[in-house]
Amino acid sequence: MVLLNSESNFVKTQPASNLAKHVILVVDDDEAVRNSLRNMMESEGFKVRAFSNGHDLLNEASLPAIGCMIVDYNMPAMNGLELVSALRGRGVSTPAILITGNPTKSVRDQAAAIAVLVVEKPKLGNYLMDCVREAVAKHARLLS
């Protein structure tokens, strides 16, 4: 599998079998979106752990060593940026992608401050998958 960076240069070629050890954490309160993201990631060979809210993820005993988080911004009780900030405060460096329908400049600025990529929900297809592949590849290189 060939991974591309944001400038469309080759980043790394990785066999699909290696993706199975990378876990994608999906956090979205909308069950249909959560299931759709799970199916999309699994069809690409990733393992997926899905959560309906941020508190459930924060209560997890262990998080994967290599992977990526896809987090919805608009969730009850705790928004996606609050969740990622809480995880960063615990020393979790897993790359995060924030998905939202119409991000404001404030949301984009807050996301940038904690190194979170923002993807608008109309782009949840190939663009999101490219972002996930790139994030996982970078994370794996940092940890190897």
C-alpha atoms as a PDB file:
ATOM      1  CA  MET A   1       0.000   0.000   0.000  1.00  0.00           C
ATOM      2  CA  VAL A   2       1.380   3.427  -0.910  1.00  0.00           C
ATOM      3  CA  LEU A   3       0.844   6.281   1.502  1.00  0.00           C
ATOM      4  CA  LEU A   4       0.886   9.868   0.289  1.00  0.00           C
ATOM      5  CA  ASN A   5       1.778  12.998   2.167  1.00  0.00           C
ATOM      6  CA  SER A   6      -0.043  16.324   1.848  1.00  0.00           C
ATOM      7  CA  GLU A   7       2.152  17.324  -1.093  1.00  0.00           C
ATOM      8  CA  SER A   8       1.304  14.033  -2.877  1.00  0.00           C
ATOM      9  CA  ASN A   9       4.851  12.712  -2.543  1.00  0.00           C
ATOM     10  CA  PHE A  10       5.378   9.077  -1.695  1.00  0.00           C
ATOM     11  CA  VAL A  11       5.733   8.632   2.068  1.00  0.00           C
ATOM     12  CA  LYS A  12       5.984   4.916   2.619  1.00  0.00           C
ATOM     13  CA  THR A  13       4.909   1.689   1.030  1.00  0.00           C
ATOM     14  CA  GLN A  14       3.337  -0.596   3.564  1.00  0.00           C
ATOM     15  CA  PRO A  15       1.854  -4.044   2.985  1.00  0.00           C
ATOM     16  CA  ALA A  16      -1.822  -4.255   3.893  1.00  0.00           C
ATOM     17  CA  SER A  17      -0.977  -6.975   6.432  1.00  0.00           C
ATOM     18  CA  ASN A  18       1.033  -4.428   8.456  1.00  0.00           C
ATOM     19  CA  LEU A  19      -2.055  -2.238   8.815  1.00  0.00           C
ATOM     20  CA  ALA A  20      -3.742  -4.856  10.987  1.00  0.00           C
ATOM     21  CA  LYS A  21      -1.502  -3.921  13.904  1.00  0.00           C
ATOM     22  CA  HIS A  22      -2.596  -0.280  13.663  1.00  0.00           C
ATOM     23  CA  VAL A  23      -5.764   0.557  15.560  1.00  0.00           C
ATOM     24  CA  ILE A  24      -8.117   3.363  14.620  1.00  0.00           C
ATOM     25  CA  LEU A  25     -10.111   4.800  17.514  1.00  0.00           C
ATOM     26  CA  VAL A  26     -13.441   6.175  16.323  1.00  0.00           C
ATOM     27  CA  VAL A  27     -15.401   8.445  18.659  1.00  0.00           C
ATOM     28  CA  ASP A  28     -18.784   9.686  17.424  1.00  0.00           C
ATOM     29  CA  ASP A  29     -22.144   9.870  19.169  1.00  0.00           C
ATOM     30  CA  ASP A  30     -23.982   9.214  15.888  1.00  0.00           C
ATOM     31  CA  GLU A  31     -24.228   5.436  15.548  1.00  0.00           C
ATOM     32  CA  ALA A  32     -24.654   5.546  11.768  1.00  0.00           C
ATOM     33  CA  VAL A  33     -21.510   7.666  11.317  1.00  0.00           C
ATOM     34  CA  ARG A  34     -19.598   5.517  13.813  1.00  0.00           C
ATOM     35  CA  ASN A  35     -20.552   2.309  11.983  1.00  0.00           C
ATOM     36  CA  SER A  36     -19.789   3.838   8.588  1.00  0.00           C
ATOM     37  CA  LEU A  37     -16.322   4.910   9.756  1.00  0.00           C
ATOM     38  CA  ARG A  38     -15.726   1.485  11.301  1.00  0.00           C
ATOM     39  CA  ASN A  39     -16.662  -0.244   8.040  1.00  0.00           C
ATOM     40  CA  MET A  40     -14.500   2.119   5.974  1.00  0.00           C
ATOM     41  CA  MET A  41     -11.432   1.584   8.182  1.00  0.00           C
ATOM     42  CA  GLU A  42     -11.903  -2.174   8.465  1.00  0.00           C
ATOM     43  CA  SER A  43     -12.277  -2.479   4.692  1.00  0.00           C
ATOM     44  CA  GLU A  44      -8.792  -0.952   4.444  1.00  0.00           C
ATOM     45  CA  GLY A  45      -7.338  -3.514   6.857  1.00  0.00           C
ATOM     46  CA  PHE A  46      -7.274  -1.484  10.063  1.00  0.00           C
ATOM     47  CA  LYS A  47      -8.485  -2.741  13.422  1.00  0.00           C
ATOM     48  CA  VAL A  48     -11.112  -0.401  14.864  1.00  0.00           C
ATOM     49  CA  ARG A  49     -12.277   0.369  18.377  1.00  0.00           C
ATOM     50  CA  ALA A  50     -15.397   2.548  18.380  1.00  0.00           C
ATOM     51  CA  PHE A  51     -16.824   4.664  21.181  1.00  0.00           C
ATOM     52  CA  SER A  52     -20.071   6.614  21.427  1.00  0.00           C
ATOM     53  CA  ASN A  53     -18.593   9.371  23.597  1.00  0.00           C
ATOM     54  CA  GLY A  54     -15.348  10.779  24.910  1.00  0.00           C
ATOM     55  CA  HIS A  55     -15.817   9.564  28.467  1.00  0.00           C
ATOM     56  CA  ASP A  56     -15.874   5.935  27.291  1.00  0.00           C
ATOM     57  CA  LEU A  57     -12.528   6.411  25.560  1.00  0.00           C
ATOM     58  CA  LEU A  58     -11.048   8.181  28.580  1.00  0.00           C
ATOM     59  CA  ASN A  59     -12.123   5.233  30.742  1.00  0.00           C
ATOM     60  CA  GLU A  60     -10.296   2.701  28.539  1.00  0.00           C
ATOM     61  CA  ALA A  61      -7.645   0.824  30.483  1.00  0.00           C
ATOM     62  CA  SER A  62      -5.227   0.732  27.555  1.00  0.00           C
ATOM     63  CA  LEU A  63      -4.879   2.480  24.235  1.00  0.00           C
ATOM     64  CA  PRO A  64      -3.095   1.118  21.168  1.00  0.00           C
ATOM     65  CA  ALA A  65       0.589   1.906  20.723  1.00  0.00           C
ATOM     66  CA  ILE A  66       0.258   2.778  17.036  1.00  0.00           C
ATOM     67  CA  GLY A  67      -2.828   4.151  15.364  1.00  0.00           C
ATOM     68  CA  CYS A  68      -4.982   7.191  14.894  1.00  0.00           C
ATOM     69  CA  MET A  69      -8.090   8.747  16.425  1.00  0.00           C
ATOM     70  CA  ILE A  70     -11.059   9.970  14.409  1.00  0.00           C
ATOM     71  CA  VAL A  71     -13.101  12.165  16.731  1.00  0.00           C
ATOM     72  CA  ASP A  72     -16.365  13.980  16.117  1.00  0.00           C
ATOM     73  CA  TYR A  73     -16.371  17.592  17.289  1.00  0.00           C
ATOM     74  CA  ASN A  74     -20.044  17.922  18.251  1.00  0.00           C
ATOM     75  CA  MET A  75     -20.808  15.425  21.001  1.00  0.00           C
ATOM     76  CA  PRO A  76     -22.779  15.846  24.196  1.00  0.00           C
ATOM     77  CA  ALA A  77     -20.930  16.365  27.500  1.00  0.00           C
ATOM     78  CA  MET A  78     -17.472  16.659  25.900  1.00  0.00           C
ATOM     79  CA  ASN A  79     -16.579  17.875  22.427  1.00  0.00           C
ATOM     80  CA  GLY A  80     -13.853  16.250  20.346  1.00  0.00           C
ATOM     81  CA  LEU A  81     -11.218  18.890  21.095  1.00  0.00           C
ATOM     82  CA  GLU A  82     -11.843  18.584  24.828  1.00  0.00           C
ATOM     83  CA  LEU A  83     -11.383  14.820  24.501  1.00  0.00           C
ATOM     84  CA  VAL A  84      -8.098  15.120  22.598  1.00  0.00           C
ATOM     85  CA  SER A  85      -6.852  17.764  25.065  1.00  0.00           C
ATOM     86  CA  ALA A  86      -7.643  15.436  27.976  1.00  0.00           C
ATOM     87  CA  LEU A  87      -5.769  12.594  26.265  1.00  0.00           C
ATOM     88  CA  ARG A  88      -2.786  14.855  25.510  1.00  0.00           C
ATOM     89  CA  GLY A  89      -2.772  15.800  29.205  1.00  0.00           C
ATOM     90  CA  ARG A  90      -2.365  12.092  29.982  1.00  0.00           C
ATOM     91  CA  GLY A  91       0.579  11.823  27.628  1.00  0.00           C
ATOM     92  CA  VAL A  92      -1.301  10.180  24.740  1.00  0.00           C
ATOM     93  CA  SER A  93       0.368  11.261  21.496  1.00  0.00           C
ATOM     94  CA  THR A  94      -1.783   9.241  19.074  1.00  0.00           C
ATOM     95  CA  PRO A  95      -2.537  11.391  16.009  1.00  0.00           C
ATOM     96  CA  ALA A  96      -6.061  12.788  15.966  1.00  0.00           C
ATOM     97  CA  ILE A  97      -8.387  13.814  13.163  1.00  0.00           C
ATOM     98  CA  LEU A  98     -11.369  15.951  14.108  1.00  0.00           C
ATOM     99  CA  ILE A  99     -14.458  15.549  11.941  1.00  0.00           C
ATOM    100  CA  THR A 100     -17.098  18.239  11.888  1.00  0.00           C
ATOM    101  CA  GLY A 101     -19.707  19.648   9.552  1.00  0.00           C
ATOM    102  CA  ASN A 102     -18.786  23.309   9.497  1.00  0.00           C
ATOM    103  CA  PRO A 103     -15.652  24.185  11.468  1.00  0.00           C
ATOM    104  CA  THR A 104     -15.303  27.765  12.599  1.00  0.00           C
ATOM    105  CA  LYS A 105     -11.981  29.606  12.602  1.00  0.00           C
ATOM    106  CA  SER A 106     -11.926  29.191  16.387  1.00  0.00           C
ATOM    107  CA  VAL A 107     -12.317  25.399  16.113  1.00  0.00           C
ATOM    108  CA  ARG A 108      -9.582  25.238  13.458  1.00  0.00           C
ATOM    109  CA  ASP A 109      -7.262  27.365  15.620  1.00  0.00           C
ATOM    110  CA  GLN A 110      -7.909  25.250  18.720  1.00  0.00           C
ATOM    111  CA  ALA A 111      -7.299  22.070  16.725  1.00  0.00           C
ATOM    112  CA  ALA A 112      -4.056  23.421  15.276  1.00  0.00           C
ATOM    113  CA  ALA A 113      -2.846  24.329  18.775  1.00  0.00           C
ATOM    114  CA  ILE A 114      -2.967  20.647  19.797  1.00  0.00           C
ATOM    115  CA  ALA A 115      -1.842  19.253  16.409  1.00  0.00           C
ATOM    116  CA  VAL A 116      -5.254  17.952  15.359  1.00  0.00           C
ATOM    117  CA  LEU A 117      -6.178  17.802  11.679  1.00  0.00           C
ATOM    118  CA  VAL A 118      -9.715  19.002  10.850  1.00  0.00           C
ATOM    119  CA  VAL A 119     -11.694  17.182   8.144  1.00  0.00           C
ATOM    120  CA  GLU A 120     -15.124  18.445   7.156  1.00  0.00           C
ATOM    121  CA  LYS A 121     -17.838  15.788   7.142  1.00  0.00           C
ATOM    122  CA  PRO A 122     -18.654  16.108   3.473  1.00  0.00           C
ATOM    123  CA  LYS A 123     -15.088  14.832   2.852  1.00  0.00           C
ATOM    124  CA  LEU A 124     -15.354  11.630   4.877  1.00  0.00           C
ATOM    125  CA  GLY A 125     -14.527   9.364   1.951  1.00  0.00           C
ATOM    126  CA  ASN A 126     -11.162   9.059   0.238  1.00  0.00           C
ATOM    127  CA  TYR A 127      -9.760  12.248   1.725  1.00  0.00           C
ATOM    128  CA  LEU A 128     -10.324  11.025   5.284  1.00  0.00           C
ATOM    129  CA  MET A 129      -8.790   7.647   4.428  1.00  0.00           C
ATOM    130  CA  ASP A 130      -5.714   9.387   2.974  1.00  0.00           C
ATOM    131  CA  CYS A 131      -5.404  11.452   6.167  1.00  0.00           C
ATOM    132  CA  VAL A 132      -5.666   8.329   8.338  1.00  0.00           C
ATOM    133  CA  ARG A 133      -3.036   6.471   6.308  1.00  0.00           C
ATOM    134  CA  GLU A 134      -0.648   9.408   6.523  1.00  0.00           C
ATOM    135  CA  ALA A 135      -1.202   9.872  10.274  1.00  0.00           C
ATOM    136  CA  VAL A 136      -0.648   6.174  10.991  1.00  0.00           C
ATOM    137  CA  ALA A 137       2.514   6.067   8.854  1.00  0.00           C
ATOM    138  CA  LYS A 138       3.989   9.114  10.599  1.00  0.00           C
ATOM    139  CA  HIS A 139       3.062   7.759  14.031  1.00  0.00           C
ATOM    140  CA  ALA A 140       4.609   4.363  13.252  1.00  0.00           C
ATOM    141  CA  ARG A 141       7.843   6.034  12.071  1.00  0.00           C
ATOM    142  CA  LEU A 142       8.039   8.137  15.246  1.00  0.00           C
ATOM    143  CA  LEU A 143       7.656   5.075  17.423  1.00  0.00           C
ATOM    144  CA  SER A 144      10.076   2.843  15.530  1.00  0.00           C
END
